[in-house]
PDB file of N, CA and C in Angstrom:
ATOM      1  N   MET A   1       0.828  -1.186   0.000  1.00  0.00           N
ATOM      2  CA  MET A   1       0.000   0.000   0.000  1.00  0.00           C
ATOM      3  C   MET A   1       0.870   1.246   0.000  1.00  0.00           C
ATOM      4  N   THR A   2       0.379   2.257  -0.648  1.00  0.00           N
ATOM      5  CA  THR A   2       1.071   3.532  -0.608  1.00  0.00           C
ATOM      6  C   THR A   2       0.648   4.276   0.644  1.00  0.00           C
ATOM      7  N   GLN A   3       1.251   5.403   0.913  1.00  0.00           N
ATOM      8  CA  GLN A   3       0.946   6.144   2.121  1.00  0.00           C
ATOM      9  C   GLN A   3      -0.479   6.668   2.160  1.00  0.00           C
ATOM     10  N   ASN A   4      -1.087   6.930   1.031  1.00  0.00           N
ATOM     11  CA  ASN A   4      -2.449   7.459   1.019  1.00  0.00           C
ATOM     12  C   ASN A   4      -3.508   6.363   1.050  1.00  0.00           C
ATOM     13  N   GLY A   5      -3.088   5.118   1.245  1.00  0.00           N
ATOM     14  CA  GLY A   5      -4.040   4.023   1.359  1.00  0.00           C
ATOM     15  C   GLY A   5      -4.391   3.344   0.058  1.00  0.00           C
ATOM     16  N   ASN A   6      -3.907   3.865  -1.061  1.00  0.00           N
ATOM     17  CA  ASN A   6      -4.165   3.242  -2.352  1.00  0.00           C
ATOM     18  C   ASN A   6      -3.140   2.157  -2.616  1.00  0.00           C
ATOM     19  N   PRO A   7      -3.559   1.063  -3.241  1.00  0.00           N
ATOM     20  CA  PRO A   7      -2.589   0.012  -3.545  1.00  0.00           C
ATOM     21  C   PRO A   7      -1.536   0.509  -4.522  1.00  0.00           C
ATOM     22  N   SER A   8      -0.338   0.017  -4.349  1.00  0.00           N
ATOM     23  CA  SER A   8       0.735   0.393  -5.265  1.00  0.00           C
ATOM     24  C   SER A   8       0.540  -0.326  -6.595  1.00  0.00           C
ATOM     25  N   LEU A   9       1.204   0.164  -7.619  1.00  0.00           N
ATOM     26  CA  LEU A   9       1.142  -0.467  -8.935  1.00  0.00           C
ATOM     27  C   LEU A   9       1.653  -1.897  -8.846  1.00  0.00           C
ATOM     28  N   ARG A  10       2.721  -2.106  -8.077  1.00  0.00           N
ATOM     29  CA  ARG A  10       3.279  -3.455  -7.917  1.00  0.00           C
ATOM     30  C   ARG A  10       2.254  -4.382  -7.269  1.00  0.00           C
ATOM     31  N   SER A  11       1.548  -3.896  -6.261  1.00  0.00           N
ATOM     32  CA  SER A  11       0.531  -4.695  -5.584  1.00  0.00           C
ATOM     33  C   SER A  11      -0.615  -5.037  -6.544  1.00  0.00           C
ATOM     34  N   LEU A  12      -1.044  -4.061  -7.323  1.00  0.00           N
ATOM     35  CA  LEU A  12      -2.113  -4.318  -8.288  1.00  0.00           C
ATOM     36  C   LEU A  12      -1.689  -5.346  -9.324  1.00  0.00           C
ATOM     37  N   PHE A  13      -0.434  -5.246  -9.774  1.00  0.00           N
ATOM     38  CA  PHE A  13       0.075  -6.203 -10.749  1.00  0.00           C
ATOM     39  C   PHE A  13       0.107  -7.604 -10.150  1.00  0.00           C
ATOM     40  N   SER A  14       0.607  -7.733  -8.920  1.00  0.00           N
ATOM     41  CA  SER A  14       0.695  -9.063  -8.315  1.00  0.00           C
ATOM     42  C   SER A  14      -0.694  -9.629  -8.028  1.00  0.00           C
ATOM     43  N   ASP A  15      -1.644  -8.781  -7.628  1.00  0.00           N
ATOM     44  CA  ASP A  15      -3.015  -9.244  -7.413  1.00  0.00           C
ATOM     45  C   ASP A  15      -3.636  -9.723  -8.719  1.00  0.00           C
ATOM     46  N   SER A  16      -3.399  -8.983  -9.790  1.00  0.00           N
ATOM     47  CA  SER A  16      -3.930  -9.369 -11.096  1.00  0.00           C
ATOM     48  C   SER A  16      -3.308 -10.664 -11.587  1.00  0.00           C
ATOM     49  N   LEU A  17      -2.017 -10.819 -11.344  1.00  0.00           N
ATOM     50  CA  LEU A  17      -1.323 -12.035 -11.734  1.00  0.00           C
ATOM     51  C   LEU A  17      -1.868 -13.234 -10.959  1.00  0.00           C
ATOM     52  N   LEU A  18      -2.060 -13.066  -9.663  1.00  0.00           N
ATOM     53  CA  LEU A  18      -2.615 -14.155  -8.847  1.00  0.00           C
ATOM     54  C   LEU A  18      -4.018 -14.508  -9.327  1.00  0.00           C
ATOM     55  N   ALA A  19      -4.824 -13.506  -9.617  1.00  0.00           N
ATOM     56  CA  ALA A  19      -6.186 -13.754 -10.110  1.00  0.00           C
ATOM     57  C   ALA A  19      -6.155 -14.543 -11.422  1.00  0.00           C
ATOM     58  N   ALA A  20      -5.244 -14.195 -12.298  1.00  0.00           N
ATOM     59  CA  ALA A  20      -5.124 -14.915 -13.571  1.00  0.00           C
ATOM     60  C   ALA A  20      -4.689 -16.357 -13.345  1.00  0.00           C
ATOM     61  N   ARG A  21      -3.776 -16.572 -12.419  1.00  0.00           N
ATOM     62  CA  ARG A  21      -3.321 -17.935 -12.117  1.00  0.00           C
ATOM     63  C   ARG A  21      -4.453 -18.772 -11.517  1.00  0.00           C
ATOM     64  N   ILE A  22      -5.243 -18.154 -10.638  1.00  0.00           N
ATOM     65  CA  ILE A  22      -6.394 -18.868 -10.060  1.00  0.00           C
ATOM     66  C   ILE A  22      -7.407 -19.180 -11.158  1.00  0.00           C
ATOM     67  N   GLU A  23      -7.665 -18.217 -12.024  1.00  0.00           N
ATOM     68  CA  GLU A  23      -8.614 -18.430 -13.121  1.00  0.00           C
ATOM     69  C   GLU A  23      -8.191 -19.608 -14.002  1.00  0.00           C
ATOM     70  N   SER A  24      -6.893 -19.789 -14.168  1.00  0.00           N
ATOM     71  CA  SER A  24      -6.417 -20.899 -14.999  1.00  0.00           C
ATOM     72  C   SER A  24      -6.731 -22.262 -14.388  1.00  0.00           C
ATOM     73  N   GLN A  25      -7.038 -22.290 -13.106  1.00  0.00           N
ATOM     74  CA  GLN A  25      -7.386 -23.539 -12.426  1.00  0.00           C
ATOM     75  C   GLN A  25      -8.891 -23.832 -12.490  1.00  0.00           C
ATOM     76  N   ALA A  26      -9.667 -22.872 -12.965  1.00  0.00           N
ATOM     77  CA  ALA A  26     -11.132 -23.000 -12.993  1.00  0.00           C
ATOM     78  C   ALA A  26     -11.597 -23.774 -14.214  1.00  0.00           C
ATOM     79  N   LYS A  27     -11.207 -25.032 -14.273  1.00  0.00           N
ATOM     80  CA  LYS A  27     -11.621 -25.922 -15.356  1.00  0.00           C
ATOM     81  C   LYS A  27     -11.760 -27.318 -14.747  1.00  0.00           C
ATOM     82  N   PRO A  28     -12.553 -28.198 -15.381  1.00  0.00           N
ATOM     83  CA  PRO A  28     -12.769 -29.518 -14.800  1.00  0.00           C
ATOM     84  C   PRO A  28     -11.443 -30.211 -14.465  1.00  0.00           C
ATOM     85  N   PRO A  29     -11.392 -30.879 -13.335  1.00  0.00           N
ATOM     86  CA  PRO A  29     -12.486 -31.234 -12.435  1.00  0.00           C
ATOM     87  C   PRO A  29     -12.838 -30.165 -11.413  1.00  0.00           C
ATOM     88  N   ASN A  30     -12.173 -29.025 -11.432  1.00  0.00           N
ATOM     89  CA  ASN A  30     -12.492 -27.949 -10.492  1.00  0.00           C
ATOM     90  C   ASN A  30     -13.742 -27.202 -10.954  1.00  0.00           C
ATOM     91  N   PRO A  31     -14.423 -26.545 -10.005  1.00  0.00           N
ATOM     92  CA  PRO A  31     -15.591 -25.744 -10.395  1.00  0.00           C
ATOM     93  C   PRO A  31     -15.179 -24.506 -11.199  1.00  0.00           C
ATOM     94  N   PRO A  32     -16.121 -23.891 -11.910  1.00  0.00           N
ATOM     95  CA  PRO A  32     -15.791 -22.744 -12.761  1.00  0.00           C
ATOM     96  C   PRO A  32     -15.545 -21.445 -11.994  1.00  0.00           C
ATOM     97  N   LEU A  33     -15.863 -21.411 -10.703  1.00  0.00           N
ATOM     98  CA  LEU A  33     -15.640 -20.221  -9.884  1.00  0.00           C
ATOM     99  C   LEU A  33     -14.705 -20.587  -8.743  1.00  0.00           C
ATOM    100  N   LEU A  34     -13.528 -19.998  -8.752  1.00  0.00           N
ATOM    101  CA  LEU A  34     -12.537 -20.239  -7.703  1.00  0.00           C
ATOM    102  C   LEU A  34     -12.038 -18.919  -7.157  1.00  0.00           C
ATOM    103  N   PHE A  35     -11.661 -18.915  -5.880  1.00  0.00           N
ATOM    104  CA  PHE A  35     -11.059 -17.739  -5.267  1.00  0.00           C
ATOM    105  C   PHE A  35     -10.127 -18.170  -4.155  1.00  0.00           C
ATOM    106  N   SER A  36      -9.291 -17.244  -3.723  1.00  0.00           N
ATOM    107  CA  SER A  36      -8.259 -17.529  -2.730  1.00  0.00           C
ATOM    108  C   SER A  36      -8.826 -17.605  -1.317  1.00  0.00           C
ATOM    109  N   GLN A  37      -8.001 -18.076  -0.396  1.00  0.00           N
ATOM    110  CA  GLN A  37      -8.390 -18.145   1.010  1.00  0.00           C
ATOM    111  C   GLN A  37      -8.668 -16.750   1.562  1.00  0.00           C
ATOM    112  N   GLN A  38      -7.891 -15.771   1.118  1.00  0.00           N
ATOM    113  CA  GLN A  38      -8.100 -14.392   1.568  1.00  0.00           C
ATOM    114  C   GLN A  38      -9.509 -13.915   1.206  1.00  0.00           C
ATOM    115  N   VAL A  39      -9.946 -14.198   0.004  1.00  0.00           N
ATOM    116  CA  VAL A  39     -11.300 -13.826  -0.413  1.00  0.00           C
ATOM    117  C   VAL A  39     -12.326 -14.637   0.370  1.00  0.00           C
ATOM    118  N   ALA A  40     -12.084 -15.931   0.536  1.00  0.00           N
ATOM    119  CA  ALA A  40     -13.010 -16.792   1.287  1.00  0.00           C
ATOM    120  C   ALA A  40     -13.231 -16.248   2.694  1.00  0.00           C
ATOM    121  N   GLU A  41     -12.168 -15.829   3.343  1.00  0.00           N
ATOM    122  CA  GLU A  41     -12.282 -15.297   4.699  1.00  0.00           C
ATOM    123  C   GLU A  41     -13.084 -14.001   4.740  1.00  0.00           C
ATOM    124  N   GLN A  42     -13.024 -13.226   3.685  1.00  0.00           N
ATOM    125  CA  GLN A  42     -13.747 -11.953   3.640  1.00  0.00           C
ATOM    126  C   GLN A  42     -15.236 -12.129   3.368  1.00  0.00           C
ATOM    127  N   VAL A  43     -15.620 -13.209   2.690  1.00  0.00           N
ATOM    128  CA  VAL A  43     -17.027 -13.363   2.301  1.00  0.00           C
ATOM    129  C   VAL A  43     -17.768 -14.461   3.052  1.00  0.00           C
ATOM    130  N   GLU A  44     -17.060 -15.297   3.821  1.00  0.00           N
ATOM    131  CA  GLU A  44     -17.698 -16.475   4.408  1.00  0.00           C
ATOM    132  C   GLU A  44     -18.819 -16.158   5.398  1.00  0.00           C
ATOM    133  N   ALA A  45     -18.875 -14.945   5.919  1.00  0.00           N
ATOM    134  CA  ALA A  45     -19.954 -14.575   6.825  1.00  0.00           C
ATOM    135  C   ALA A  45     -21.286 -14.401   6.093  1.00  0.00           C
ATOM    136  N   VAL A  46     -21.223 -14.130   4.791  1.00  0.00           N
ATOM    137  CA  VAL A  46     -22.451 -13.897   4.025  1.00  0.00           C
ATOM    138  C   VAL A  46     -22.669 -14.886   2.884  1.00  0.00           C
ATOM    139  N   ILE A  47     -21.610 -15.566   2.475  1.00  0.00           N
ATOM    140  CA  ILE A  47     -21.702 -16.537   1.381  1.00  0.00           C
ATOM    141  C   ILE A  47     -21.069 -17.836   1.850  1.00  0.00           C
ATOM    142  N   PRO A  48     -21.780 -18.959   1.728  1.00  0.00           N
ATOM    143  CA  PRO A  48     -21.151 -20.227   2.122  1.00  0.00           C
ATOM    144  C   PRO A  48     -20.019 -20.578   1.160  1.00  0.00           C
ATOM    145  N   VAL A  49     -18.863 -20.914   1.711  1.00  0.00           N
ATOM    146  CA  VAL A  49     -17.714 -21.261   0.882  1.00  0.00           C
ATOM    147  C   VAL A  49     -17.263 -22.680   1.185  1.00  0.00           C
ATOM    148  N   ALA A  50     -16.588 -23.295   0.232  1.00  0.00           N
ATOM    149  CA  ALA A  50     -16.081 -24.656   0.392  1.00  0.00           C
ATOM    150  C   ALA A  50     -14.669 -24.736  -0.168  1.00  0.00           C
ATOM    151  N   PHE A  51     -13.791 -25.398   0.573  1.00  0.00           N
ATOM    152  CA  PHE A  51     -12.438 -25.636   0.107  1.00  0.00           C
ATOM    153  C   PHE A  51     -12.501 -26.578  -1.092  1.00  0.00           C
ATOM    154  N   VAL A  52     -11.715 -26.297  -2.124  1.00  0.00           N
ATOM    155  CA  VAL A  52     -11.668 -27.138  -3.320  1.00  0.00           C
ATOM    156  C   VAL A  52     -10.353 -27.912  -3.378  1.00  0.00           C
ATOM    157  N   THR A  53      -9.237 -27.188  -3.340  1.00  0.00           N
ATOM    158  CA  THR A  53      -7.936 -27.828  -3.492  1.00  0.00           C
ATOM    159  C   THR A  53      -6.833 -26.846  -3.128  1.00  0.00           C
ATOM    160  N   SER A  54      -5.648 -27.366  -2.962  1.00  0.00           N
ATOM    161  CA  SER A  54      -4.446 -26.532  -2.892  1.00  0.00           C
ATOM    162  C   SER A  54      -3.732 -26.706  -4.220  1.00  0.00           C
ATOM    163  N   ALA A  55      -3.310 -25.607  -4.801  1.00  0.00           N
ATOM    164  CA  ALA A  55      -2.675 -25.669  -6.114  1.00  0.00           C
ATOM    165  C   ALA A  55      -1.351 -24.921  -6.097  1.00  0.00           C
ATOM    166  N   THR A  56      -0.400 -25.469  -6.824  1.00  0.00           N
ATOM    167  CA  THR A  56       0.864 -24.778  -7.049  1.00  0.00           C
ATOM    168  C   THR A  56       0.691 -23.933  -8.300  1.00  0.00           C
ATOM    169  N   LEU A  57       0.813 -22.630  -8.133  1.00  0.00           N
ATOM    170  CA  LEU A  57       0.583 -21.704  -9.237  1.00  0.00           C
ATOM    171  C   LEU A  57       1.905 -21.108  -9.699  1.00  0.00           C
ATOM    172  N   LYS A  58       2.045 -20.961 -10.996  1.00  0.00           N
ATOM    173  CA  LYS A  58       3.259 -20.387 -11.585  1.00  0.00           C
ATOM    174  C   LYS A  58       3.502 -18.991 -11.008  1.00  0.00           C
ATOM    175  N   GLY A  59       4.722 -18.759 -10.563  1.00  0.00           N
ATOM    176  CA  GLY A  59       5.086 -17.458 -10.037  1.00  0.00           C
ATOM    177  C   GLY A  59       4.728 -17.238  -8.584  1.00  0.00           C
ATOM    178  N   VAL A  60       4.139 -18.243  -7.932  1.00  0.00           N
ATOM    179  CA  VAL A  60       3.765 -18.138  -6.520  1.00  0.00           C
ATOM    180  C   VAL A  60       4.588 -19.175  -5.765  1.00  0.00           C
ATOM    181  N   SER A  61       5.289 -18.733  -4.722  1.00  0.00           N
ATOM    182  CA  SER A  61       6.242 -19.612  -4.053  1.00  0.00           C
ATOM    183  C   SER A  61       5.587 -20.722  -3.229  1.00  0.00           C
ATOM    184  N   GLU A  62       4.400 -20.512  -2.717  1.00  0.00           N
ATOM    185  CA  GLU A  62       3.722 -21.512  -1.894  1.00  0.00           C
ATOM    186  C   GLU A  62       2.420 -21.939  -2.560  1.00  0.00           C
ATOM    187  N   ALA A  63       1.968 -23.149  -2.193  1.00  0.00           N
ATOM    188  CA  ALA A  63       0.676 -23.619  -2.702  1.00  0.00           C
ATOM    189  C   ALA A  63      -0.424 -22.668  -2.232  1.00  0.00           C
ATOM    190  N   VAL A  64      -1.421 -22.473  -3.063  1.00  0.00           N
ATOM    191  CA  VAL A  64      -2.535 -21.572  -2.770  1.00  0.00           C
ATOM    192  C   VAL A  64      -3.783 -22.411  -2.555  1.00  0.00           C
ATOM    193  N   SER A  65      -4.463 -22.182  -1.427  1.00  0.00           N
ATOM    194  CA  SER A  65      -5.732 -22.856  -1.164  1.00  0.00           C
ATOM    195  C   SER A  65      -6.817 -22.190  -1.986  1.00  0.00           C
ATOM    196  N   LEU A  66      -7.589 -22.997  -2.711  1.00  0.00           N
ATOM    197  CA  LEU A  66      -8.645 -22.477  -3.577  1.00  0.00           C
ATOM    198  C   LEU A  66     -10.013 -22.886  -3.039  1.00  0.00           C
ATOM    199  N   TYR A  67     -10.935 -21.962  -3.118  1.00  0.00           N
ATOM    200  CA  TYR A  67     -12.290 -22.143  -2.595  1.00  0.00           C
ATOM    201  C   TYR A  67     -13.307 -21.819  -3.677  1.00  0.00           C
ATOM    202  N   THR A  68     -14.546 -22.241  -3.424  1.00  0.00           N
ATOM    203  CA  THR A  68     -15.663 -21.904  -4.304  1.00  0.00           C
ATOM    204  C   THR A  68     -16.881 -21.641  -3.440  1.00  0.00           C
ATOM    205  N   VAL A  69     -17.963 -21.206  -4.056  1.00  0.00           N
ATOM    206  CA  VAL A  69     -19.220 -21.014  -3.343  1.00  0.00           C
ATOM    207  C   VAL A  69     -19.816 -22.387  -3.083  1.00  0.00           C
ATOM    208  N   ALA A  70     -20.184 -22.631  -1.835  1.00  0.00           N
ATOM    209  CA  ALA A  70     -20.756 -23.922  -1.447  1.00  0.00           C
ATOM    210  C   ALA A  70     -22.265 -23.908  -1.668  1.00  0.00           C
ATOM    211  N   ALA A  71     -22.811 -25.091  -1.819  1.00  0.00           N
ATOM    212  CA  ALA A  71     -24.262 -25.206  -1.914  1.00  0.00           C
ATOM    213  C   ALA A  71     -24.848 -24.749  -0.578  1.00  0.00           C
ATOM    214  N   SER A  72     -25.901 -23.987  -0.631  1.00  0.00           N
ATOM    215  CA  SER A  72     -26.532 -23.493   0.575  1.00  0.00           C
ATOM    216  C   SER A  72     -27.167 -24.638   1.347  1.00  0.00           C
ATOM    217  N   LYS A  73     -27.050 -24.592   2.666  1.00  0.00           N
ATOM    218  CA  LYS A  73     -27.654 -25.608   3.519  1.00  0.00           C
ATOM    219  C   LYS A  73     -29.127 -25.313   3.749  1.00  0.00           C
ATOM    220  N   GLU A  74     -29.524 -24.087   3.476  1.00  0.00           N
ATOM    221  CA  GLU A  74     -30.885 -23.650   3.716  1.00  0.00           C
ATOM    222  C   GLU A  74     -31.764 -23.933   2.510  1.00  0.00           C
ATOM    223  N   VAL A  75     -32.896 -24.568   2.725  1.00  0.00           N
ATOM    224  CA  VAL A  75     -33.832 -24.861   1.643  1.00  0.00           C
ATOM    225  C   VAL A  75     -35.033 -23.965   1.818  1.00  0.00           C
ATOM    226  N   THR A  76     -35.380 -23.228   0.751  1.00  0.00           N
ATOM    227  CA  THR A  76     -36.538 -22.328   0.848  1.00  0.00           C
ATOM    228  C   THR A  76     -37.653 -22.776  -0.038  1.00  0.00           C
TER     229      THR A  76
END
């Protein structure tokens, strides 16, 4: 982050790169919608999430946990 609270260009580039790498994993047998653990933690209070897999992504030093939207437990 820069001093004014805006993400730096480097941060935006790395976030975009990570998003592209995650998107490349969104093909069978994985579901078409995948997101990182960081995103899962931010939305899990309002959207049910489910762990899918850990993946080694090009340009990322550690395996990344991938999540998707889980089927709702509530039947209406």
